[in-house]
C-alpha atoms as a PDB file:
ATOM      1  CA  VAL A   1       6.533 -19.503  51.486  1.00  0.00           C
ATOM      2  CA  GLY A   2       3.961 -19.326  54.266  1.00  0.00           C
ATOM      3  CA  ALA A   3       4.361 -15.562  54.577  1.00  0.00           C
ATOM      4  CA  ILE A   4       3.732 -15.140  50.861  1.00  0.00           C
ATOM      5  CA  ILE A   5       0.557 -17.219  51.070  1.00  0.00           C
ATOM      6  CA  LEU A   6      -0.667 -15.212  54.060  1.00  0.00           C
ATOM      7  CA  ALA A   7       0.076 -11.931  52.281  1.00  0.00           C
ATOM      8  CA  VAL A   8      -1.814 -13.051  49.159  1.00  0.00           C
ATOM      9  CA  GLU A   9      -4.739 -14.222  51.296  1.00  0.00           C
ATOM     10  CA  HIS A  10      -4.842 -10.869  53.094  1.00  0.00           C
ATOM     11  CA  ARG A  11      -4.847  -8.995  49.756  1.00  0.00           C
ATOM     12  CA  LEU A  12      -7.614 -11.222  48.366  1.00  0.00           C
ATOM     13  CA  LYS A  13      -9.802 -10.570  51.408  1.00  0.00           C
ATOM     14  CA  ALA A  14      -9.453  -6.823  50.838  1.00  0.00           C
ATOM     15  CA  ALA A  15     -10.256  -7.033  47.106  1.00  0.00           C
ATOM     16  CA  PRO A  16     -13.855  -6.647  45.931  1.00  0.00           C
ATOM     17  CA  LEU A  17     -15.558  -9.888  44.882  1.00  0.00           C
ATOM     18  CA  PRO A  18     -16.137  -8.916  41.205  1.00  0.00           C
ATOM     19  CA  PHE A  19     -12.412  -8.213  40.802  1.00  0.00           C
ATOM     20  CA  VAL A  20     -11.484 -11.605  42.240  1.00  0.00           C
ATOM     21  CA  VAL A  21     -14.047 -13.532  40.179  1.00  0.00           C
ATOM     22  CA  CYS A  22     -13.381 -11.770  36.868  1.00  0.00           C
ATOM     23  CA  GLY A  23      -9.623 -11.744  37.439  1.00  0.00           C
ATOM     24  CA  GLY A  24      -9.636 -15.468  38.222  1.00  0.00           C
ATOM     25  CA  GLY A  25     -11.734 -16.167  35.145  1.00  0.00           C
ATOM     26  CA  GLY A  26      -9.356 -14.144  32.997  1.00  0.00           C
ATOM     27  CA  LEU A  27      -6.403 -16.015  34.477  1.00  0.00           C
ATOM     28  CA  VAL A  28      -7.989 -19.390  33.677  1.00  0.00           C
ATOM     29  CA  VAL A  29      -8.807 -18.303  30.119  1.00  0.00           C
ATOM     30  CA  GLY A  30      -5.241 -17.023  29.749  1.00  0.00           C
ATOM     31  CA  LEU A  31      -3.838 -20.362  30.911  1.00  0.00           C
ATOM     32  CA  LEU A  32      -6.067 -22.219  28.451  1.00  0.00           C
ATOM     33  CA  VAL A  33      -4.973 -19.962  25.587  1.00  0.00           C
ATOM     34  CA  ALA A  34      -1.318 -20.362  26.598  1.00  0.00           C
ATOM     35  CA  GLY A  35      -1.723 -24.140  26.648  1.00  0.00           C
ATOM     36  CA  LEU A  36      -3.333 -24.096  23.214  1.00  0.00           C
ATOM     37  CA  ILE A  37      -0.582 -21.903  21.785  1.00  0.00           C
ATOM     38  CA  ALA A  38       2.120 -24.095  23.316  1.00  0.00           C
ATOM     39  CA  SER A  39       0.550 -27.280  21.985  1.00  0.00           C
ATOM     40  CA  VAL A  40      -0.016 -25.860  18.491  1.00  0.00           C
ATOM     41  CA  THR A  41       3.524 -24.496  18.218  1.00  0.00           C
ATOM     42  CA  GLY A  42       5.005 -27.677  19.679  1.00  0.00           C
ATOM     43  CA  LEU A  43       6.850 -26.029  22.567  1.00  0.00           C
ATOM     44  CA  VAL A  44       5.578 -28.624  25.036  1.00  0.00           C
ATOM     45  CA  ALA A  45       6.357 -31.651  22.855  1.00  0.00           C
ATOM     46  CA  ARG A  46       9.934 -30.681  21.991  1.00  0.00           C
ATOM     47  CA  SER A  47      12.477 -32.556  24.057  1.00  0.00           C
ATOM     48  CA  PRO A  48      15.632 -30.401  23.724  1.00  0.00           C
ATOM     49  CA  ASN A  49      15.607 -27.638  26.302  1.00  0.00           C
ATOM     50  CA  THR A  50      17.179 -24.865  24.318  1.00  0.00           C
ATOM     51  CA  VAL A  51      17.289 -21.290  25.508  1.00  0.00           C
ATOM     52  CA  PHE A  52      14.642 -20.347  22.939  1.00  0.00           C
ATOM     53  CA  ASN A  53      12.219 -23.041  24.141  1.00  0.00           C
ATOM     54  CA  ILE A  54      12.654 -22.026  27.771  1.00  0.00           C
ATOM     55  CA  LEU A  55      12.220 -18.307  27.065  1.00  0.00           C
ATOM     56  CA  ALA A  56       9.261 -18.888  24.750  1.00  0.00           C
ATOM     57  CA  SER A  57       7.580 -21.097  27.356  1.00  0.00           C
ATOM     58  CA  LEU A  58       8.138 -18.464  30.047  1.00  0.00           C
ATOM     59  CA  VAL A  59       6.698 -15.721  27.863  1.00  0.00           C
ATOM     60  CA  ILE A  60       3.701 -17.827  26.887  1.00  0.00           C
ATOM     61  CA  PHE A  61       2.897 -19.307  30.302  1.00  0.00           C
ATOM     62  CA  LEU A  62       3.533 -16.110  32.286  1.00  0.00           C
ATOM     63  CA  GLY A  63       2.616 -13.362  29.832  1.00  0.00           C
ATOM     64  CA  ILE A  64      -0.683 -14.586  28.424  1.00  0.00           C
ATOM     65  CA  PRO A  65      -2.233 -15.580  31.795  1.00  0.00           C
ATOM     66  CA  TYR A  66      -1.144 -12.224  33.255  1.00  0.00           C
ATOM     67  CA  TRP A  67      -2.776 -10.465  30.298  1.00  0.00           C
ATOM     68  CA  GLY A  68      -5.936 -12.526  30.914  1.00  0.00           C
ATOM     69  CA  LEU A  69      -5.890 -11.525  34.586  1.00  0.00           C
ATOM     70  CA  ILE A  70      -5.581  -7.839  33.700  1.00  0.00           C
ATOM     71  CA  MET A  71      -8.341  -8.098  31.088  1.00  0.00           C
ATOM     72  CA  GLY A  72     -10.590  -9.847  33.624  1.00  0.00           C
ATOM     73  CA  ILE A  73     -10.036  -7.100  36.179  1.00  0.00           C
ATOM     74  CA  ARG A  74     -10.670  -4.483  33.491  1.00  0.00           C
ATOM     75  CA  PHE A  75     -13.906  -6.291  32.602  1.00  0.00           C
ATOM     76  CA  ALA A  76     -14.951  -6.120  36.267  1.00  0.00           C
ATOM     77  CA  THR A  77     -14.456  -2.357  36.321  1.00  0.00           C
ATOM     78  CA  GLU A  78     -15.682  -1.382  32.845  1.00  0.00           C
ATOM     79  CA  GLY A  79     -18.110  -4.071  31.720  1.00  0.00           C
ATOM     80  CA  TRP A  80     -18.630  -5.161  28.128  1.00  0.00           C
ATOM     81  CA  ALA A  81     -18.291  -1.965  26.096  1.00  0.00           C
ATOM     82  CA  PRO A  82     -18.314   1.255  28.094  1.00  0.00           C
ATOM     83  CA  SER A  83     -16.970   3.331  25.226  1.00  0.00           C
ATOM     84  CA  ALA A  84     -19.970   2.447  23.043  1.00  0.00           C
ATOM     85  CA  ILE A  85     -22.426   4.089  25.431  1.00  0.00           C
ATOM     86  CA  PRO A  86     -22.306   7.909  25.486  1.00  0.00           C
ATOM     87  CA  THR A  87     -22.330   9.111  29.076  1.00  0.00           C
ATOM     88  CA  GLY A  88     -22.402  12.888  28.610  1.00  0.00           C
ATOM     89  CA  ASP A  89     -25.083  15.140  27.254  1.00  0.00           C
ATOM     90  CA  THR A  90     -26.087  14.726  23.620  1.00  0.00           C
ATOM     91  CA  GLU A  91     -24.472  18.000  22.542  1.00  0.00           C
ATOM     92  CA  SER A  92     -21.015  16.711  23.422  1.00  0.00           C
ATOM     93  CA  VAL A  93     -21.430  13.707  21.120  1.00  0.00           C
ATOM     94  CA  ARG A  94     -20.226  14.811  17.700  1.00  0.00           C
ATOM     95  CA  ILE A  95     -21.492  13.139  14.556  1.00  0.00           C
ATOM     96  CA  LYS A  96     -18.919  12.904  11.776  1.00  0.00           C
ATOM     97  CA  LYS A  97     -20.107  13.994   8.333  1.00  0.00           C
ATOM     98  CA  LEU A  98     -18.756  13.028   4.948  1.00  0.00           C
ATOM     99  CA  LEU A  99     -18.416  15.958   2.538  1.00  0.00           C
ATOM    100  CA  ASP A 100     -17.691  15.528  -1.138  1.00  0.00           C
ATOM    101  CA  THR A 101     -15.558  17.984  -3.099  1.00  0.00           C
ATOM    102  CA  SER A 102     -18.455  20.011  -4.542  1.00  0.00           C
ATOM    103  CA  VAL A 103     -19.575  21.032  -1.068  1.00  0.00           C
ATOM    104  CA  ILE A 104     -16.071  22.080  -0.118  1.00  0.00           C
ATOM    105  CA  ILE A 105     -15.487  24.043  -3.357  1.00  0.00           C
ATOM    106  CA  ASP A 106     -18.873  25.820  -3.296  1.00  0.00           C
ATOM    107  CA  GLY A 107     -18.291  26.896   0.251  1.00  0.00           C
END
């Protein structure tokens, strides 16, 4: 267990600060969303430990926080909306036009 903690600490020291902060924030948001989903669906309150409850809890409490971590790291690299801002020259940005049938028929 100690070796795992030391390895994680070494990796965190090598990671850039925005990745760590945004990834941690995404992880926390993912845990909050997972907790809300589990409480709304009643997975936490159910007493019988069936296979479905265990698998659903694992998917919710491991999958959603991991997704939040990945989205946080992606936010650190890309920002809010990088695809909305054209980065190339203006000629490469194509504007879509709507043509009605009379324009197409007339040539």
